[in-house]
Structures are given as structure tokens and as C-alpha cells.
């Protein structure tokens, strides 16, 4: 279930943010953005719905990760849930801005082009600053992978490194906008770790017996337990 929810979050996020949004939002052109919305009503509504579905699957993924790892490290598992739910709230705000932009586009009030453009900018920047929490939720996820011994250790390190990269990239985007390529590069380990985690959960999974047992305390499990 955790893998399915995570996959649903990935699919809705890619479709909404990387497929539909670029077809509607024209950077530096409020009039073109409004025209795109007016001329693609069904696509606009699909974008809002996909954003809402991503919020739903993000929240469920966060809670199911807590359920999966709570016996390994309750503090780290709680961090996954807490940071994941913050991501869901960010998505909820973005969906509300997109829905408002659609309402104004289909029933113009005031300076519709500027207002719609501004709403899309705010929505995009919500995800921009929210990248901090996309990074933060991967770090405790990686720690739980390492401490549990249920999954490959390189997966745990990929998640931790990816989370740190996401976190760093979020600041790079605003501190050095011209270094956008660098921000994208440091996020690559996060993409690898996330898709690896989804694939592992769906293909291999975790045996129920492992969930009921304490994590292994072998010599190679080098990370200390949380206090």
C-alpha cells in the first residue's frame, strides 16, 4: 500500500506539474497565460484535480510510511509523516490558487491576465519553497531504511543524499537563480532514491514478520538508535 500511494503521488505530480502546467503557464506573459486557460478549460480543470489527487496520495503516503517504519525508529518515522503532511498542505495551497486562477479566467473580474498570472506564480513558488520539505522527508526515510535492515543499504544512502540535495537545491533556486542547472543536478539522487523506493516496495515489499520484529542489531548496522 505504501508503494502504491507513493506511485500515485509520483504520477499525479508529474502529470500536473511537468505536463499540464507548462502548457498553461506562459512565463513573462500574463495575456498568453490567460488565453491558454480560456482555450483549454478541460485541461485547466484536470490540472486542479491532479493537484488535489497529489495532495491526497501525499498524505496517505506519509501516514503509511509511518506505519511501515514506526517499530524501527518512532522519531524518524514521525518525521517522515510530519514532513510529508507539510508537503500535502503546500500542495493544498497550490491547488487552491490554481482553482482560483481558473475561476477568474472563466469569469473575468478586474485585471484578469495579471491576477491569473500572479496566482500561477504563487502556486509555482509554493512548490519552490516547499522543496525544502520534500528534502526533509527523504532524510528520515533513508535513516529508517538503514536502521531496519529490510532494504538495500545503498537505497538508504540515496534517500539521505537525495534529501540533502533537494534541501540545498531549494535554496540555490532563490539565492542564485542563474544556477538553476545546479539545483536540478543536486536533485538527481532524490529522484533515483524515490523511484527506487517505489519499485522496491511494489516488487519486493516488506514481509509482515519483519514489521513485527525489532530491527537487526548486526555489526554492519553502524547507525546508532535514536534516543
Protein backbone atom coordinates (compact mmCIF):
# COMPACT_ATOMS: atom_id res chain seq x y z
CA UNK A 1 0.00 0.00 0.00
CA UNK A 2 2.84 2.40 0.80
CA UNK A 3 4.36 1.76 -2.63
CA UNK A 4 1.03 2.20 -4.40
CA UNK A 5 0.33 5.50 -2.65
CA UNK A 6 3.88 6.69 -3.40
CA UNK A 7 3.48 5.71 -7.07
CA UNK A 8 0.16 7.56 -7.21
CA UNK A 9 1.83 10.66 -5.77
CA UNK A 10 4.60 10.47 -8.38
CA UNK A 11 2.20 10.00 -11.31
CA UNK A 12 -0.14 12.82 -10.32
CA UNK A 13 2.79 15.12 -9.56
CA UNK A 14 4.47 14.51 -12.92
CA UNK A 15 1.24 14.90 -14.89
CA UNK A 16 0.13 18.01 -13.04
CA UNK A 17 3.38 19.90 -12.59
CA UNK A 18 5.54 18.76 -15.52
CA UNK A 19 2.94 18.04 -18.22
CA UNK A 20 -0.13 20.24 -17.72
CA UNK A 21 1.31 23.33 -16.01
CA UNK A 22 3.83 24.14 -18.81
CA UNK A 23 1.00 24.01 -21.36
CA UNK A 24 -0.98 26.63 -19.43
CA UNK A 25 1.55 28.93 -17.81
CA UNK A 26 3.49 31.23 -20.15
CA UNK A 27 6.45 32.72 -18.31
CA UNK A 28 6.61 36.53 -18.50
CA UNK A 29 3.35 36.71 -20.47
CA UNK A 30 0.14 37.23 -18.43
CA UNK A 31 -2.04 37.65 -21.54
CA UNK A 32 -0.83 34.37 -23.06
CA UNK A 33 -1.36 32.57 -19.75
CA UNK A 34 -4.96 33.78 -19.58
CA UNK A 35 -5.53 32.81 -23.22
CA UNK A 36 -4.18 29.32 -22.54
CA UNK A 37 -6.57 28.88 -19.62
CA UNK A 38 -9.59 30.20 -21.51
CA UNK A 39 -8.84 27.99 -24.51
CA UNK A 40 -8.14 24.81 -22.51
CA UNK A 41 -10.90 24.57 -19.94
CA UNK A 42 -10.80 20.79 -19.55
CA UNK A 43 -7.01 20.85 -19.17
CA UNK A 44 -7.27 23.56 -16.51
CA UNK A 45 -9.77 21.51 -14.50
CA UNK A 46 -7.65 18.38 -14.92
CA UNK A 47 -4.66 20.29 -13.54
CA UNK A 48 -6.57 21.28 -10.41
CA UNK A 49 -7.87 17.73 -9.90
CA UNK A 50 -4.39 16.24 -10.36
CA UNK A 51 -3.03 18.66 -7.79
CA UNK A 52 -5.77 17.57 -5.37
CA UNK A 53 -5.03 13.90 -6.04
CA UNK A 54 -1.37 14.52 -5.38
CA UNK A 55 -2.30 16.08 -2.02
CA UNK A 56 -4.40 13.02 -1.18
CA UNK A 57 -1.75 10.48 -2.16
CA UNK A 58 1.00 12.51 -0.44
CA UNK A 59 -0.92 12.50 2.84
CA UNK A 60 -1.65 8.77 2.60
CA UNK A 61 1.96 8.01 1.66
CA UNK A 62 3.21 9.94 4.68
CA UNK A 63 0.90 8.06 7.05
CA UNK A 64 1.68 4.65 5.55
CA UNK A 65 5.43 5.28 5.80
CA UNK A 66 4.91 5.99 9.48
CA UNK A 67 3.02 2.73 9.80
CA UNK A 68 5.79 0.89 7.94
CA UNK A 69 8.73 2.23 9.97
CA UNK A 70 7.23 3.04 13.37
CA UNK A 71 8.77 -0.06 15.01
CA UNK A 72 12.21 0.81 13.61
CA UNK A 73 12.53 4.38 14.87
CA UNK A 74 9.38 6.13 16.03
CA UNK A 75 11.03 9.56 15.92
CA UNK A 76 12.31 9.20 12.34
CA UNK A 77 9.04 7.61 11.22
CA UNK A 78 7.18 10.52 12.79
CA UNK A 79 9.47 12.88 10.86
CA UNK A 80 8.51 11.20 7.59
CA UNK A 81 4.83 11.63 8.45
CA UNK A 82 5.19 15.22 9.67
CA UNK A 83 7.28 16.48 6.74
CA UNK A 84 5.10 14.57 4.29
CA UNK A 85 1.96 16.17 5.67
CA UNK A 86 3.57 19.60 5.35
CA UNK A 87 4.13 18.74 1.66
CA UNK A 88 0.43 17.89 1.41
CA UNK A 89 -0.54 21.25 2.91
CA UNK A 90 1.74 23.01 0.41
CA UNK A 91 0.02 21.14 -2.41
CA UNK A 92 -3.37 22.02 -0.98
CA UNK A 93 -2.49 25.71 -1.09
CA UNK A 94 -1.20 25.39 -4.65
CA UNK A 95 -4.41 23.63 -5.73
CA UNK A 96 -6.48 26.43 -4.21
CA UNK A 97 -4.51 29.06 -6.14
CA UNK A 98 -4.90 27.12 -9.40
CA UNK A 99 -8.64 26.72 -8.79
CA UNK A 100 -8.93 30.47 -8.13
CA UNK A 101 -6.99 31.21 -11.33
CA UNK A 102 -9.41 29.00 -13.28
CA UNK A 103 -12.43 30.72 -11.76
CA UNK A 104 -11.10 34.16 -12.70
CA UNK A 105 -10.16 33.01 -16.21
CA UNK A 106 -13.67 31.69 -16.91
CA UNK A 107 -15.44 34.64 -15.27
CA UNK A 108 -13.03 37.56 -15.59
CA UNK A 109 -13.01 40.21 -12.87
CA UNK A 110 -10.67 43.19 -12.68
CA UNK A 111 -7.31 42.77 -14.38
CA UNK A 112 -7.78 39.08 -15.20
CA UNK A 113 -4.46 38.47 -17.05
CA UNK A 114 -2.34 39.89 -14.24
CA UNK A 115 -4.35 38.18 -11.50
CA UNK A 116 -4.25 34.76 -13.17
CA UNK A 117 -0.54 35.11 -13.86
CA UNK A 118 0.13 36.12 -10.25
CA UNK A 119 -1.83 33.12 -8.93
CA UNK A 120 0.23 30.76 -11.07
CA UNK A 121 3.42 32.40 -9.85
CA UNK A 122 2.37 31.93 -6.22
CA UNK A 123 1.43 28.31 -6.91
CA UNK A 124 4.81 27.65 -8.50
CA UNK A 125 6.69 29.32 -5.67
CA UNK A 126 4.79 27.29 -3.11
CA UNK A 127 6.34 24.22 -4.70
CA UNK A 128 9.66 26.04 -4.96
CA UNK A 129 9.99 26.79 -1.26
CA UNK A 130 8.21 23.53 -0.43
CA UNK A 131 11.11 21.62 -1.95
CA UNK A 132 12.74 22.03 1.47
CA UNK A 133 10.22 19.62 2.96
CA UNK A 134 10.45 17.23 0.02
CA UNK A 135 14.10 17.02 1.00
CA UNK A 136 13.45 16.81 4.73
CA UNK A 137 11.06 13.87 4.45
CA UNK A 138 13.59 11.79 2.47
CA UNK A 139 16.29 12.05 5.15
CA UNK A 140 14.41 10.23 7.95
CA UNK A 141 13.10 7.79 5.32
CA UNK A 142 16.69 6.92 4.45
CA UNK A 143 17.59 6.59 8.13
CA UNK A 144 14.73 4.13 8.63
CA UNK A 145 15.92 2.08 5.65
CA UNK A 146 19.42 1.89 7.14
CA UNK A 147 18.27 1.06 10.67
CA UNK A 148 15.69 -1.53 9.69
CA UNK A 149 17.90 -3.74 7.54
CA UNK A 150 14.82 -4.58 5.45
CA UNK A 151 16.01 -2.89 2.27
CA UNK A 152 19.34 -2.37 0.46
CA UNK A 153 21.62 0.00 2.33
CA UNK A 154 22.52 1.94 -0.85
CA UNK A 155 18.82 2.83 -1.08
CA UNK A 156 19.00 4.40 2.36
CA UNK A 157 22.05 6.45 1.46
CA UNK A 158 20.49 7.51 -1.85
CA UNK A 159 17.46 8.82 0.03
CA UNK A 160 19.58 10.70 2.58
CA UNK A 161 21.83 12.17 -0.11
CA UNK A 162 18.82 12.99 -2.27
CA UNK A 163 17.06 14.68 0.62
CA UNK A 164 20.12 16.82 1.32
CA UNK A 165 20.32 17.66 -2.39
CA UNK A 166 16.66 18.67 -2.53
CA UNK A 167 17.15 20.86 0.53
CA UNK A 168 20.24 22.51 -0.96
CA UNK A 169 18.55 22.95 -4.34
CA UNK A 170 15.61 24.78 -2.78
CA UNK A 171 17.98 27.48 -1.52
CA UNK A 172 20.07 27.59 -4.70
CA UNK A 173 16.97 28.40 -6.78
CA UNK A 174 16.39 31.61 -4.82
CA UNK A 175 19.95 32.55 -3.89
CA UNK A 176 21.36 32.03 -7.39
CA UNK A 177 18.55 31.85 -9.99
CA UNK A 178 21.15 31.64 -12.77
CA UNK A 179 22.36 28.33 -11.26
CA UNK A 180 19.09 26.50 -11.95
CA UNK A 181 21.03 23.68 -13.63
CA UNK A 182 22.98 23.10 -10.42
CA UNK A 183 19.75 22.85 -8.43
CA UNK A 184 18.46 20.25 -10.89
CA UNK A 185 21.69 18.25 -10.71
CA UNK A 186 21.76 18.04 -6.90
CA UNK A 187 18.16 16.76 -7.01
CA UNK A 188 19.04 13.74 -9.20
CA UNK A 189 19.90 11.43 -6.23
CA UNK A 190 16.45 12.23 -4.79
CA UNK A 191 14.72 11.13 -7.99
CA UNK A 192 16.79 7.94 -8.06
CA UNK A 193 16.06 7.17 -4.41
CA UNK A 194 12.34 7.87 -4.67
CA UNK A 195 11.75 5.74 -7.76
CA UNK A 196 13.96 3.01 -6.30
CA UNK A 197 11.87 3.06 -3.11
CA UNK A 198 8.61 2.88 -5.09
CA UNK A 199 9.90 -0.02 -7.18
CA UNK A 200 11.25 -1.89 -4.16
CA UNK A 201 8.01 -1.57 -2.22
CA UNK A 202 5.92 -2.69 -5.18
CA UNK A 203 8.16 -5.54 -6.37
CA UNK A 204 9.77 -6.87 -3.17
CA UNK A 205 7.88 -5.27 -0.32
CA UNK A 206 8.48 -5.97 3.37
CA UNK A 207 7.37 -9.24 4.97
CA UNK A 208 4.80 -8.87 7.72
CA UNK A 209 7.07 -10.80 10.07
CA UNK A 210 9.77 -8.16 9.65
CA UNK A 211 7.34 -5.43 10.65
CA UNK A 212 6.61 -7.26 13.90
CA UNK A 213 10.24 -7.86 14.82
CA UNK A 214 12.80 -5.43 16.19
CA UNK A 215 15.33 -4.27 13.58
CA UNK A 216 18.57 -6.24 13.34
CA UNK A 217 21.44 -5.07 15.51
CA UNK A 218 24.25 -6.52 13.39
CA UNK A 219 27.73 -5.09 13.40
CA UNK A 220 27.25 -3.59 9.94
CA UNK A 221 24.28 -1.55 11.15
CA UNK A 222 26.51 1.38 12.00
CA UNK A 223 23.86 3.96 12.81
CA UNK A 224 23.01 4.45 16.50
CA UNK A 225 19.44 4.12 17.68
CA UNK A 226 17.53 7.30 18.37
CA UNK A 227 17.31 8.29 22.00
